[in-house]
Protein backbone atom coordinates (compact mmCIF):
# COMPACT_ATOMS: atom_id res chain seq x y z
CA UNK A 1 0.00 0.00 0.00
CA UNK A 2 1.30 3.45 -0.88
CA UNK A 3 2.19 5.53 2.20
CA UNK A 4 -0.27 8.16 0.96
CA UNK A 5 -3.16 5.73 0.50
CA UNK A 6 -5.90 6.17 3.07
CA UNK A 7 -6.22 3.05 5.26
CA UNK A 8 -9.62 1.47 5.66
CA UNK A 9 -11.59 2.47 8.73
CA UNK A 10 -12.38 -0.28 11.21
CA UNK A 11 -16.03 -1.41 11.37
CA UNK A 12 -16.28 -0.60 15.09
CA UNK A 13 -13.49 1.80 15.99
CA UNK A 14 -13.22 3.80 12.80
CA UNK A 15 -10.01 5.62 12.04
CA UNK A 16 -8.43 8.88 13.24
CA UNK A 17 -6.07 11.16 11.33
CA UNK A 18 -4.11 13.58 13.51
CA UNK A 19 -3.55 16.40 11.08
CA UNK A 20 -1.35 19.49 11.21
CA UNK A 21 -3.27 22.49 9.84
CA UNK A 22 -0.23 24.76 9.75
CA UNK A 23 0.14 28.22 11.29
CA UNK A 24 -2.86 29.90 9.64
CA UNK A 25 -2.44 30.25 5.88
CA UNK A 26 -4.75 27.64 4.24
CA UNK A 27 -2.28 27.46 1.34
CA UNK A 28 0.22 25.72 3.63
CA UNK A 29 -1.91 22.58 4.00
CA UNK A 30 -0.13 19.57 2.51
CA UNK A 31 -1.56 17.48 -0.32
CA UNK A 32 -1.90 14.60 2.14
CA UNK A 33 -3.90 16.82 4.50
CA UNK A 34 -6.30 17.85 1.70
CA UNK A 35 -6.78 14.19 0.77
CA UNK A 36 -7.57 13.21 4.36
CA UNK A 37 -10.00 16.12 4.76
CA UNK A 38 -11.88 15.23 1.57
CA UNK A 39 -12.51 11.72 2.94
CA UNK A 40 -13.38 12.67 6.52
CA UNK A 41 -16.76 11.91 8.08
CA UNK A 42 -16.05 14.06 11.15
CA UNK A 43 -13.77 17.04 11.80
CA UNK A 44 -12.55 17.68 15.36
CA UNK A 45 -10.75 20.99 15.89
CA UNK A 46 -10.72 24.40 17.50
CA UNK A 47 -12.64 27.23 15.86
CA UNK A 48 -9.58 28.94 14.30
CA UNK A 49 -8.34 25.66 12.85
CA UNK A 50 -11.76 24.87 11.37
CA UNK A 51 -11.57 28.14 9.42
CA UNK A 52 -8.39 26.84 7.75
CA UNK A 53 -9.47 23.28 6.92
CA UNK A 54 -13.22 23.36 6.37
CA UNK A 55 -13.15 24.38 2.69
CA UNK A 56 -11.39 21.09 1.84
CA UNK A 57 -13.93 18.90 3.64
CA UNK A 58 -16.74 17.20 1.76
CA UNK A 59 -20.27 18.56 1.95
CA UNK A 60 -22.24 17.37 4.96
CA UNK A 61 -19.21 16.52 7.12
CA UNK A 62 -19.92 16.68 10.86
CA UNK A 63 -17.90 19.19 12.84
CA UNK A 64 -16.95 18.90 16.52
CA UNK A 65 -15.42 21.97 18.12
CA UNK A 66 -12.99 21.43 20.97
CA UNK A 67 -13.27 25.02 22.17
CA UNK A 68 -16.35 26.74 23.51
CA UNK A 69 -18.80 28.65 21.36
CA UNK A 70 -18.45 32.23 22.68
CA UNK A 71 -22.20 32.79 22.39
CA UNK A 72 -22.83 29.80 24.63
CA UNK A 73 -20.38 30.66 27.42
CA UNK A 74 -21.83 30.39 30.93
CA UNK A 75 -21.53 33.34 33.33
CA UNK A 76 -18.11 33.77 34.95
CA UNK A 77 -17.50 31.44 37.85
CA UNK A 78 -20.10 28.84 36.85
CA UNK A 79 -17.64 26.27 35.59
CA UNK A 80 -15.90 25.20 32.40
CA UNK A 81 -17.78 25.92 29.15
CA UNK A 82 -19.36 22.90 27.53
CA UNK A 83 -18.17 21.67 24.15
CA UNK A 84 -20.45 22.12 21.18
CA UNK A 85 -21.16 19.85 18.24
CA UNK A 86 -22.02 21.44 14.90
CA UNK A 87 -23.21 19.53 11.83
CA UNK A 88 -22.57 20.27 8.17
CA UNK A 89 -25.46 22.72 7.92
CA UNK A 90 -24.16 24.77 10.85
CA UNK A 91 -27.05 23.95 13.19
CA UNK A 92 -26.08 23.35 16.79
CA UNK A 93 -26.85 19.95 18.24
CA UNK A 94 -27.42 19.29 21.92
CA UNK A 95 -24.29 19.98 23.98
CA UNK A 96 -22.86 17.10 26.00
CA UNK A 97 -24.29 16.71 29.47
CA UNK A 98 -20.82 16.64 31.00
CA UNK A 99 -17.61 18.25 29.92
CA UNK A 100 -15.38 15.79 28.07
CA UNK A 101 -11.81 16.19 26.90
CA UNK A 102 -10.80 16.10 23.25
CA UNK A 103 -9.54 12.51 23.42
CA UNK A 104 -13.03 11.29 24.43
CA UNK A 105 -14.57 13.40 21.68
CA UNK A 106 -12.22 11.93 19.09
CA UNK A 107 -12.93 8.33 20.10
CA UNK A 108 -16.67 8.90 20.29
CA UNK A 109 -16.62 10.43 16.82
CA UNK A 110 -14.69 7.41 15.47
CA UNK A 111 -17.30 4.90 16.63
CA UNK A 112 -19.29 3.09 13.99
CA UNK A 113 -16.47 3.02 11.46
CA UNK A 114 -16.30 6.76 10.81
CA UNK A 115 -13.19 8.52 9.53
CA UNK A 116 -12.19 11.29 11.91
CA UNK A 117 -9.74 14.11 11.26
CA UNK A 118 -8.40 15.60 14.46
CA UNK A 119 -6.81 18.83 13.25
CA UNK A 120 -4.46 20.95 15.34
CA UNK A 121 -2.69 24.22 14.66
CA UNK A 122 0.83 23.85 13.34
CA UNK A 123 2.19 20.30 13.57
CA UNK A 124 0.77 17.46 15.72
CA UNK A 125 4.28 16.55 16.93
CA UNK A 126 4.60 19.95 18.60
CA UNK A 127 1.03 20.15 19.92
CA UNK A 128 0.78 20.03 23.71
CA UNK A 129 -1.99 17.44 23.88
CA UNK A 130 -1.89 15.52 20.58
CA UNK A 131 0.43 12.81 21.92
CA UNK A 132 -1.93 12.16 24.85
CA UNK A 133 -4.86 11.83 22.44
CA UNK A 134 -2.85 9.38 20.29
CA UNK A 135 -2.04 7.29 23.35
CA UNK A 136 -5.72 7.27 24.28
CA UNK A 137 -6.61 6.01 20.80
CA UNK A 138 -3.94 3.32 21.01
CA UNK A 139 -5.22 2.18 24.41
CA UNK A 140 -8.77 1.98 23.06
CA UNK A 141 -7.74 0.08 19.94
CA UNK A 142 -8.63 2.95 17.60
CA UNK A 143 -6.29 2.94 14.58
CA UNK A 144 -4.75 6.31 13.75
CA UNK A 145 -2.21 8.04 11.53
CA UNK A 146 -0.32 11.33 11.69
CA UNK A 147 -0.19 13.91 8.87
CA UNK A 148 2.52 16.47 9.68
CA UNK A 149 1.91 20.16 9.14
CA UNK A 150 4.01 23.30 8.90
CA UNK A 151 4.93 24.24 12.46
CA UNK A 152 4.36 27.85 13.49
CA UNK A 153 7.92 28.12 14.82
CA UNK A 154 9.17 27.47 11.28
CA UNK A 155 6.40 28.88 9.07
CA UNK A 156 5.92 32.21 10.83
CA UNK A 157 9.59 33.31 10.67
CA UNK A 158 9.62 32.38 6.97
CA UNK A 159 6.61 34.68 6.34
CA UNK A 160 8.22 37.40 8.47
CA UNK A 161 11.35 37.34 6.28
CA UNK A 162 13.59 35.89 8.99
CA UNK A 163 15.61 32.83 7.85
CA UNK A 164 16.56 30.67 10.80
CA UNK A 165 19.77 29.36 9.23
CA UNK A 166 22.12 30.45 6.50
CA UNK A 167 25.58 29.56 5.13
CA UNK A 168 27.13 30.40 8.50
CA UNK A 169 25.11 27.55 9.99
CA UNK A 170 24.34 28.75 13.51
CA UNK A 171 22.42 26.51 15.92
CA UNK A 172 18.64 26.98 16.18
CA UNK A 173 16.84 26.47 19.47
CA UNK A 174 13.08 26.40 20.00
CA UNK A 175 11.64 27.53 23.32
CA UNK A 176 8.06 27.57 24.59
CA UNK A 177 8.11 30.41 27.11
CA UNK A 178 5.06 29.02 28.90
CA UNK A 179 6.85 25.85 29.99
CA UNK A 180 10.56 26.81 29.79
CA UNK A 181 12.55 26.01 32.92
CA UNK A 182 15.36 28.10 34.42
CA UNK A 183 17.82 25.57 33.01
CA UNK A 184 16.36 26.04 29.51
CA UNK A 185 16.75 29.85 29.68
CA UNK A 186 20.31 29.45 30.97
CA UNK A 187 21.25 27.15 28.10
CA UNK A 188 19.82 29.33 25.32
CA UNK A 189 21.15 32.47 26.99
CA UNK A 190 24.69 31.05 26.94
CA UNK A 191 24.34 30.13 23.25
CA UNK A 192 24.99 32.49 20.34
CA UNK A 193 22.60 30.63 18.04
CA UNK A 194 19.16 31.64 16.83
CA UNK A 195 16.38 31.26 19.40
CA UNK A 196 12.72 30.92 18.33
CA UNK A 197 10.41 31.68 21.23
CA UNK A 198 6.72 30.77 21.32
CA UNK A 199 5.01 33.17 23.72
CA UNK A 200 2.22 35.74 23.98
CA UNK A 201 2.30 39.42 23.07
CA UNK A 202 2.22 40.62 26.67
CA UNK A 203 4.93 38.12 27.69
CA UNK A 204 7.52 39.00 25.02
CA UNK A 205 9.31 41.52 27.23
CA UNK A 206 9.52 38.99 30.07
CA UNK A 207 11.03 36.37 27.73
CA UNK A 208 13.53 38.96 26.47
CA UNK A 209 14.43 39.70 30.07
CA UNK A 210 15.04 36.01 30.78
CA UNK A 211 17.47 35.81 27.87
CA UNK A 212 19.35 38.95 28.95
CA UNK A 213 19.57 37.66 32.52
CA UNK A 214 20.94 34.38 31.15
CA UNK A 215 23.74 36.11 29.23
CA UNK A 216 22.41 37.39 25.92
CA UNK A 217 23.44 40.96 25.09
CA UNK A 218 20.64 43.55 25.32
CA UNK A 219 21.45 44.78 21.79
CA UNK A 220 20.76 41.35 20.25
CA UNK A 221 18.24 41.80 17.36
CA UNK A 222 14.71 40.52 17.86
CA UNK A 223 11.56 40.21 15.73
CA UNK A 224 8.08 39.62 17.09
CA UNK A 225 5.31 38.41 14.77
CA UNK A 226 1.61 38.15 15.58
CA UNK A 227 -1.05 36.38 13.43
CA UNK A 228 1.76 34.91 11.35
CA UNK A 229 1.13 33.67 7.77
CA UNK A 230 -2.26 35.43 7.62
CA UNK A 231 -3.13 38.83 6.14
CA UNK A 232 -3.45 40.10 9.73
CA UNK A 233 0.26 39.43 10.28
CA UNK A 234 2.30 42.20 11.91
CA UNK A 235 5.99 42.16 12.74
CA UNK A 236 8.01 44.47 14.96
CA UNK A 237 11.80 44.67 14.94
CA UNK A 238 13.75 45.68 18.03
CA UNK A 239 16.40 44.31 20.38
CA UNK A 240 16.11 42.32 23.58
CA UNK A 241 16.61 45.53 25.51
CA UNK A 242 14.18 47.72 23.56
CA UNK A 243 11.25 45.41 22.68
CA UNK A 244 9.11 46.54 25.63
CA UNK A 245 9.52 50.20 24.64
CA UNK A 246 8.94 49.40 20.95
CA UNK A 247 5.59 47.72 21.65
CA UNK A 248 4.59 50.56 23.95
CA UNK A 249 5.48 53.25 21.40
CA UNK A 250 3.57 51.35 18.71
CA UNK A 251 0.55 51.46 21.07
CA UNK A 252 0.30 47.68 20.83
CA UNK A 253 0.46 47.21 24.58
CA UNK A 254 -1.32 47.39 26.87
CA UNK A 255 -4.14 45.83 24.85
CA UNK A 256 -6.95 43.28 25.13
CA UNK A 257 -4.98 41.34 22.48
CA UNK A 258 -2.08 40.86 24.88
CA UNK A 259 -2.82 37.18 25.34
CA UNK A 260 -2.56 36.37 21.61
CA UNK A 261 0.27 34.01 20.63
CA UNK A 262 3.37 35.38 18.89
CA UNK A 263 6.61 33.99 17.52
CA UNK A 264 9.77 35.86 18.50
CA UNK A 265 13.09 35.23 16.75
CA UNK A 266 16.26 36.25 18.58
CA UNK A 267 19.61 36.53 16.79
CA UNK A 268 21.50 38.35 14.07
CA UNK A 269 19.30 36.83 11.34
CA UNK A 270 16.39 38.95 12.55
CA UNK A 271 18.25 42.25 12.14
CA UNK A 272 16.33 45.14 10.56
CA UNK A 273 18.69 45.38 7.57
CA UNK A 274 17.99 41.77 6.63
CA UNK A 275 14.22 42.11 6.99
CA UNK A 276 14.23 45.13 4.70
CA UNK A 277 15.40 42.77 1.96
CA UNK A 278 13.64 39.55 2.94
CA UNK A 279 10.19 40.66 4.13
CA UNK A 280 8.39 39.27 1.08
CA UNK A 281 4.96 38.70 2.64
CA UNK A 282 4.21 41.94 4.48
CA UNK A 283 5.57 43.95 1.54
CA UNK A 284 2.93 42.65 -0.88
CA UNK A 285 1.28 45.59 -2.67
CA UNK A 286 -2.10 45.31 -0.93
CA UNK A 287 -1.00 43.61 2.26
CA UNK A 288 -3.77 43.75 4.85
CA UNK A 289 -6.04 45.92 2.68
CA UNK A 290 -9.72 45.17 3.17
CA UNK A 291 -11.13 45.31 -0.36
CA UNK A 292 -14.84 45.40 -1.15
CA UNK A 293 -15.82 43.27 -4.15
CA UNK A 294 -19.41 44.21 -5.11
CA UNK A 295 -20.32 41.33 -7.43
CA UNK A 296 -22.30 38.10 -7.24
CA UNK A 297 -20.53 35.36 -5.29
CA UNK A 298 -19.90 33.27 -8.41
CA UNK A 299 -18.42 36.21 -10.29
CA UNK A 300 -16.30 37.37 -7.36
CA UNK A 301 -14.50 34.08 -6.67
CA UNK A 302 -11.60 34.35 -9.13
CA UNK A 303 -11.23 38.10 -8.49
CA UNK A 304 -11.02 37.48 -4.74
CA UNK A 305 -8.35 34.82 -5.28
CA UNK A 306 -6.30 37.32 -7.29
CA UNK A 307 -6.68 39.97 -4.58
CA UNK A 308 -5.49 37.48 -1.94
CA UNK A 309 -2.36 36.87 -4.00
CA UNK A 310 -1.57 40.58 -3.53
CA UNK A 311 -2.05 40.27 0.24
CA UNK A 312 -5.54 41.78 0.37
CA UNK A 313 -8.53 40.62 2.40
CA UNK A 314 -11.45 40.53 -0.09
CA UNK A 315 -14.99 41.05 1.19
CA UNK A 316 -17.66 39.99 -1.28
CA UNK A 317 -20.92 41.93 -1.24
CA UNK A 318 -23.46 40.94 -3.91
CA UNK A 319 -25.07 44.01 -5.45
CA UNK A 320 -27.24 42.16 -7.94
CA UNK A 321 -29.27 39.00 -7.78
CA UNK A 322 -29.91 36.87 -10.84
CA UNK A 323 -33.47 35.63 -11.45
CA UNK A 324 -35.18 33.75 -14.31
CA UNK A 325 -37.00 35.78 -16.97
CA UNK A 326 -40.60 36.69 -16.20
CA UNK A 327 -41.81 34.82 -19.29
CA UNK A 328 -39.74 31.68 -20.00
CA UNK A 329 -41.35 30.80 -23.35
CA UNK A 330 -38.86 32.77 -25.46
CA UNK A 331 -35.91 31.02 -23.82
CA UNK A 332 -37.58 27.63 -24.19
CA UNK A 333 -38.16 28.15 -27.93
CA UNK A 334 -34.55 29.23 -28.43
CA UNK A 335 -33.12 26.19 -26.63
CA UNK A 336 -35.33 23.90 -28.71
CA UNK A 337 -34.05 25.78 -31.77
CA UNK A 338 -30.48 24.84 -30.81
CA UNK A 339 -31.42 21.17 -30.99
CA UNK A 340 -33.35 21.43 -34.27
CA UNK A 341 -30.58 23.32 -36.11
CA UNK A 342 -32.06 26.81 -36.18
CA UNK A 343 -28.75 28.56 -35.35
CA UNK A 344 -25.26 28.84 -36.83
CA UNK A 345 -23.86 30.61 -33.75
CA UNK A 346 -24.60 31.06 -30.05
CA UNK A 347 -22.91 33.99 -28.29
CA UNK A 348 -22.41 34.10 -24.51
CA UNK A 349 -21.79 37.54 -23.06
CA UNK A 350 -21.51 36.55 -19.38
CA UNK A 351 -21.03 33.67 -16.98
CA UNK A 352 -24.67 34.12 -15.95
CA UNK A 353 -25.78 33.51 -19.55
CA UNK A 354 -23.85 30.23 -19.57
CA UNK A 355 -25.48 29.28 -16.29
CA UNK A 356 -28.97 30.13 -17.57
CA UNK A 357 -28.57 27.98 -20.71
CA UNK A 358 -27.01 25.15 -18.73
CA UNK A 359 -29.92 25.11 -16.28
CA UNK A 360 -32.40 25.04 -19.16
CA UNK A 361 -30.46 22.16 -20.74
CA UNK A 362 -30.61 20.20 -17.48
CA UNK A 363 -34.35 20.88 -17.28
CA UNK A 364 -34.78 19.21 -20.70
CA UNK A 365 -32.30 16.40 -20.01
CA UNK A 366 -29.74 17.82 -22.46
CA UNK A 367 -25.98 18.18 -22.10
CA UNK A 368 -23.06 19.76 -23.99
CA UNK A 369 -23.59 17.40 -26.94
CA UNK A 370 -26.54 19.60 -27.98
CA UNK A 371 -23.96 22.18 -29.17
CA UNK A 372 -22.71 19.79 -31.87
CA UNK A 373 -22.51 21.59 -35.20
CA UNK A 374 -23.05 25.03 -33.64
CA UNK A 375 -20.29 27.64 -33.38
CA UNK A 376 -19.89 29.05 -29.86
CA UNK A 377 -18.58 32.53 -28.96
CA UNK A 378 -17.58 33.84 -25.51
CA UNK A 379 -17.13 37.50 -24.66
CA UNK A 380 -14.06 36.89 -22.45
CA UNK A 381 -11.87 34.51 -20.49
CA UNK A 382 -14.19 34.00 -17.52
CA UNK A 383 -17.16 33.22 -19.77
CA UNK A 384 -14.95 30.84 -21.77
CA UNK A 385 -13.93 29.06 -18.54
CA UNK A 386 -17.60 28.63 -17.59
CA UNK A 387 -18.24 27.06 -21.02
CA UNK A 388 -15.27 24.70 -20.67
CA UNK A 389 -16.60 23.63 -17.27
CA UNK A 390 -19.87 22.84 -19.08
CA UNK A 391 -17.94 20.72 -21.56
CA UNK A 392 -17.93 23.24 -24.44
CA UNK A 393 -14.80 24.72 -25.99
CA UNK A 394 -15.67 28.12 -27.53
CA UNK A 395 -14.80 28.70 -31.17
CA UNK A 396 -14.40 32.46 -30.74
CA UNK A 397 -13.01 34.54 -27.86
CA UNK A 398 -11.96 38.16 -28.51
CA UNK A 399 -8.26 38.48 -29.26
CA UNK A 400 -8.29 42.07 -28.00
CA UNK A 401 -10.71 43.87 -25.72
CA UNK A 402 -12.93 41.48 -23.76
CA UNK A 403 -16.25 43.17 -24.45
CA UNK A 404 -19.08 43.20 -26.95
CA UNK A 405 -17.04 45.60 -29.10
CA UNK A 406 -14.02 43.30 -28.93
CA UNK A 407 -16.17 40.32 -29.89
CA UNK A 408 -17.53 42.16 -32.92
CA UNK A 409 -14.01 43.00 -34.11
CA UNK A 410 -13.26 39.26 -34.50
CA UNK A 411 -16.74 38.10 -35.57
CA UNK A 412 -16.85 37.00 -39.24
CA UNK A 413 -19.46 38.57 -41.54
CA UNK A 414 -22.24 36.35 -42.79
CA UNK A 415 -21.26 34.55 -46.01
CA UNK A 416 -24.15 32.78 -47.78
CA UNK A 417 -21.65 30.47 -49.50
CA UNK A 418 -19.95 29.15 -46.36
CA UNK A 419 -22.68 29.73 -43.76
CA UNK A 420 -25.71 27.47 -44.31
CA UNK A 421 -27.66 29.29 -41.57
CA UNK A 422 -27.71 33.03 -40.96
CA UNK A 423 -29.07 33.13 -37.41
CA UNK A 424 -27.37 33.79 -34.04
CA UNK A 425 -28.78 32.91 -30.63
CA UNK A 426 -27.88 35.60 -28.07
CA UNK A 427 -28.95 34.67 -24.50
CA UNK A 428 -28.35 37.64 -22.21
CA UNK A 429 -29.53 39.82 -19.35
CA UNK A 430 -32.65 41.93 -19.50
CA UNK A 431 -30.59 45.14 -19.10
CA UNK A 432 -27.89 44.35 -21.67
CA UNK A 433 -26.88 47.02 -24.17
CA UNK A 434 -27.69 46.82 -27.89
CA UNK A 435 -24.06 47.06 -29.08
CA UNK A 436 -23.66 43.40 -29.95
CA UNK A 437 -27.07 43.01 -31.57
CA UNK A 438 -26.57 46.06 -33.79
CA UNK A 439 -23.06 44.96 -34.75
CA UNK A 440 -24.12 41.43 -35.71
CA UNK A 441 -26.98 42.76 -37.84
CA UNK A 442 -24.51 45.06 -39.58
CA UNK A 443 -22.35 42.00 -40.33
CA UNK A 444 -25.33 40.39 -42.06
CA UNK A 445 -26.58 38.08 -39.30
CA UNK A 446 -30.12 37.60 -38.03
CA UNK A 447 -30.19 37.71 -34.23
CA UNK A 448 -32.57 36.05 -31.76
CA UNK A 449 -32.00 38.41 -28.84
CA UNK A 450 -33.35 36.39 -25.89
CA UNK A 451 -33.68 37.39 -22.24
CA UNK A 452 -32.06 34.44 -20.45
CA UNK A 453 -32.06 35.99 -16.99
CA UNK A 454 -32.99 39.14 -15.12
CA UNK A 455 -30.72 41.17 -12.87
CA UNK A 456 -32.30 42.77 -9.82
CA UNK A 457 -30.83 44.75 -6.97
CA UNK A 458 -29.62 42.49 -4.15
CA UNK A 459 -30.74 42.76 -0.55
CA UNK A 460 -28.73 45.15 1.67
CA UNK A 461 -25.66 43.62 3.34
CA UNK A 462 -25.47 43.24 7.16
CA UNK A 463 -25.46 46.39 9.28
CA UNK A 464 -21.77 46.06 10.19
CA UNK A 465 -20.84 45.91 6.48
CA UNK A 466 -22.92 48.99 5.69
CA UNK A 467 -21.30 50.86 8.58
CA UNK A 468 -17.82 49.84 7.38
CA UNK A 469 -18.59 51.06 3.85
CA UNK A 470 -19.86 54.47 4.99
CA UNK A 471 -17.40 54.81 7.88
CA UNK A 472 -14.17 54.11 6.00
CA UNK A 473 -13.64 50.56 7.22
CA UNK A 474 -12.70 49.39 3.72
CA UNK A 475 -9.39 50.31 2.10
CA UNK A 476 -10.65 49.98 -1.47
CA UNK A 477 -13.70 49.08 -3.53
CA UNK A 478 -13.67 47.60 -7.02
CA UNK A 479 -16.46 48.71 -9.34
CA UNK A 480 -16.80 46.43 -12.37
CA UNK A 481 -19.79 48.16 -14.01
CA UNK A 482 -22.01 51.20 -13.68
CA UNK A 483 -24.73 49.01 -12.18
CA UNK A 484 -22.42 47.91 -9.34
CA UNK A 485 -21.89 51.58 -8.47
CA UNK A 486 -25.60 52.40 -8.48
CA UNK A 487 -26.60 49.23 -6.67
CA UNK A 488 -23.92 49.43 -3.96
CA UNK A 489 -24.78 53.05 -3.16
CA UNK A 490 -28.46 52.10 -3.22
CA UNK A 491 -28.25 49.15 -0.83
CA UNK A 492 -25.34 50.15 1.41
CA UNK A 493 -24.57 53.86 1.01
CA UNK A 494 -21.66 55.80 -0.47
CA UNK A 495 -18.11 54.64 0.37
CA UNK A 496 -16.12 56.92 2.71
CA UNK A 497 -13.77 59.43 1.06
CA UNK A 498 -10.65 57.65 2.40
CA UNK A 499 -11.60 54.50 0.48
CA UNK A 500 -9.70 53.99 -2.77
CA UNK A 501 -12.17 53.78 -5.66
CA UNK A 502 -11.12 51.55 -8.57
CA UNK A 503 -13.21 51.38 -11.77
CA UNK A 504 -13.08 48.98 -14.70
CA UNK A 505 -13.49 51.67 -17.38
CA UNK A 506 -14.50 55.24 -18.29
CA UNK A 507 -18.27 54.59 -18.23
CA UNK A 508 -18.09 53.07 -14.73
CA UNK A 509 -15.80 55.90 -13.57
CA UNK A 510 -18.28 58.49 -14.87
CA UNK A 511 -21.11 56.84 -12.93
CA UNK A 512 -18.95 56.79 -9.78
CA UNK A 513 -18.17 60.49 -10.17
CA UNK A 514 -21.86 61.25 -10.70
CA UNK A 515 -22.46 59.67 -7.30
CA UNK A 516 -19.86 61.96 -5.71
CA UNK A 517 -16.99 59.46 -5.61
CA UNK A 518 -13.35 60.28 -6.36
CA UNK A 519 -11.93 57.73 -8.80
CA UNK A 520 -8.35 56.79 -7.89
CA UNK A 521 -7.69 53.79 -10.14
CA UNK A 522 -8.78 52.90 -13.67
CA UNK A 523 -8.11 49.58 -15.38
CA UNK A 524 -6.02 49.92 -18.58
CA UNK A 525 -8.54 47.66 -20.31
CA UNK A 526 -12.04 46.43 -19.35
CA UNK A 527 -11.04 43.27 -17.50
CA UNK A 528 -11.64 42.47 -13.82
CA UNK A 529 -8.17 40.99 -13.56
CA UNK A 530 -6.58 44.06 -15.11
CA UNK A 531 -8.56 46.10 -12.60
CA UNK A 532 -7.09 44.10 -9.71
CA UNK A 533 -3.62 44.50 -11.23
CA UNK A 534 -4.13 48.26 -11.46
CA UNK A 535 -5.16 48.44 -7.80
CA UNK A 536 -2.08 46.40 -6.82
CA UNK A 537 0.11 48.80 -8.80
CA UNK A 538 -1.53 51.73 -7.01
CA UNK A 539 -0.83 50.10 -3.64
CA UNK A 540 2.79 49.40 -4.58
CA UNK A 541 3.41 53.02 -5.59
CA UNK A 542 1.68 54.26 -2.45
CA UNK A 543 3.90 52.06 -0.30
CA UNK A 544 7.06 53.13 -2.13
CA UNK A 545 6.18 56.81 -1.70
CA UNK A 546 5.69 56.38 2.05
CA UNK A 547 9.01 54.58 2.47
CA UNK A 548 10.84 57.17 0.36
CA UNK A 549 9.39 59.97 2.50
CA UNK A 550 10.30 58.12 5.69
CA UNK A 551 6.65 57.83 6.67
CA UNK A 552 5.01 54.76 8.19
CA UNK A 553 3.31 52.43 5.70
CA UNK A 554 -0.39 52.58 6.49
CA UNK A 555 -3.56 51.38 4.83
CA UNK A 556 -6.07 53.93 3.45
CA UNK A 557 -8.60 53.04 6.17
CA UNK A 558 -6.10 54.10 8.84
CA UNK A 559 -6.44 57.71 7.62
CA UNK A 560 -10.09 58.04 8.59
CA UNK A 561 -10.99 60.17 11.62
CA UNK A 562 -10.55 58.19 14.81
CA UNK A 563 -8.68 55.37 13.10
CA UNK A 564 -5.87 53.93 15.12
CA UNK A 565 -2.55 54.95 13.64
CA UNK A 566 -0.07 52.10 13.26
CA UNK A 567 3.64 52.19 12.75
CA UNK A 568 5.27 50.48 9.82
CA UNK A 569 5.55 46.70 10.12
CA UNK A 570 8.55 46.53 7.83
């Protein structure tokens, strides 16, 4: 059996996978971890870990949280919070009558032959309690395996731009400040190697003091990183002797966040000069920016992925909802016409048009084979991808501008010699412009212009989102059409003047200006991905200007009245 093949679960005891979820970035999950998650019947983990792993689990998986649901906490002094069990539809089941530890939860979940993934932050080998849970499984006869993960003590320094070893090959020591003995501090204090300390934000200064007392020089460089490997990551550089003052001056402490875990790296490899060159993650062009993406969820997915690659935190707010046409007969006749050979071409101008036709196909028991003998056009890359996912490879995608005008530039004129049929099926939205229809008619084609779906204004987002939009809580907003401008302002209000406004083209920018918005970024061509690139370029130039002027690198939202000013994290 291959070492990566999932073993069979026992009929009575099931099977448990102890899985390392890494330090926080979901992209650091191993292929083996993703495989185990996709086959799991039950997930057992803390809330923060569930956020990392849940997207890779199959639909309907049961979830057991090993930390308390904050909304269900008992009043102070009434005892330990009970554990909660949540199923795949996020409804809360009855809480256990008595508090049970994670090992009991794991074994109970494994009963009846179920596959259980017990996920922990970082790596199971460094988790405080994972070994005890493994021993409990072994004692109970529950088979288990271990899937290693990226440990925080290794992954976080890498994301902070602090290599732990180099060609000089110094020793590396790992210390957990919560359990370190006096002997441990003495040993690492006498060493000149790199020390990686796991501690909390409000205990960093105490750990630095232990190292100085044990023999380390007060001017030894030090980095402290919180929320490592996530877009909330922040890193401070100082020395063992100045870290307390640095955190105080940055107004980080005292703070309610003082108990949050941090990774501190002590040694010459964490010097400021090195981080200026090696801080690859926090220097991403949109690092930490909260970017509003006002599109439907399906449309926003690839754009949000691109924004994350620039370090941004995308927040998707649907501004339109897609509904079937009021009278479906026209669409039904057109789809039947596809099958009977009425059309030479079908032109898709949006992902929603592909979805509408696909749903109608499924209603009639048809599939992609119904397109046989028909030429298919797509207005752009995203529409083409939706067709490929349907099993259809488009014959025509614009070579230039991805728009109706770009499609017309490449569309062949009707030729009665080579084209046996002169008709085009154009399924589209009820509010689509007439550019494509007029252009096709001019090229000699007959067009069946069919309303495949209607676009209506979406419901308003939650109150906190509306307040963030109007109050400057977002760093940027991407407008991909005039309707997204009108609809967002209509359902949520006008974005604050500190928010960077990015528009896909001149028409959208004009609509934004008509609504009193200052347009800061314009895409060089009408493409959502070019728009994201343009925003990233804006962020990069903004960052470079701040550094050149000697100013702290801040996000746009930190300029709003009352916003907490932060020092540079580079």
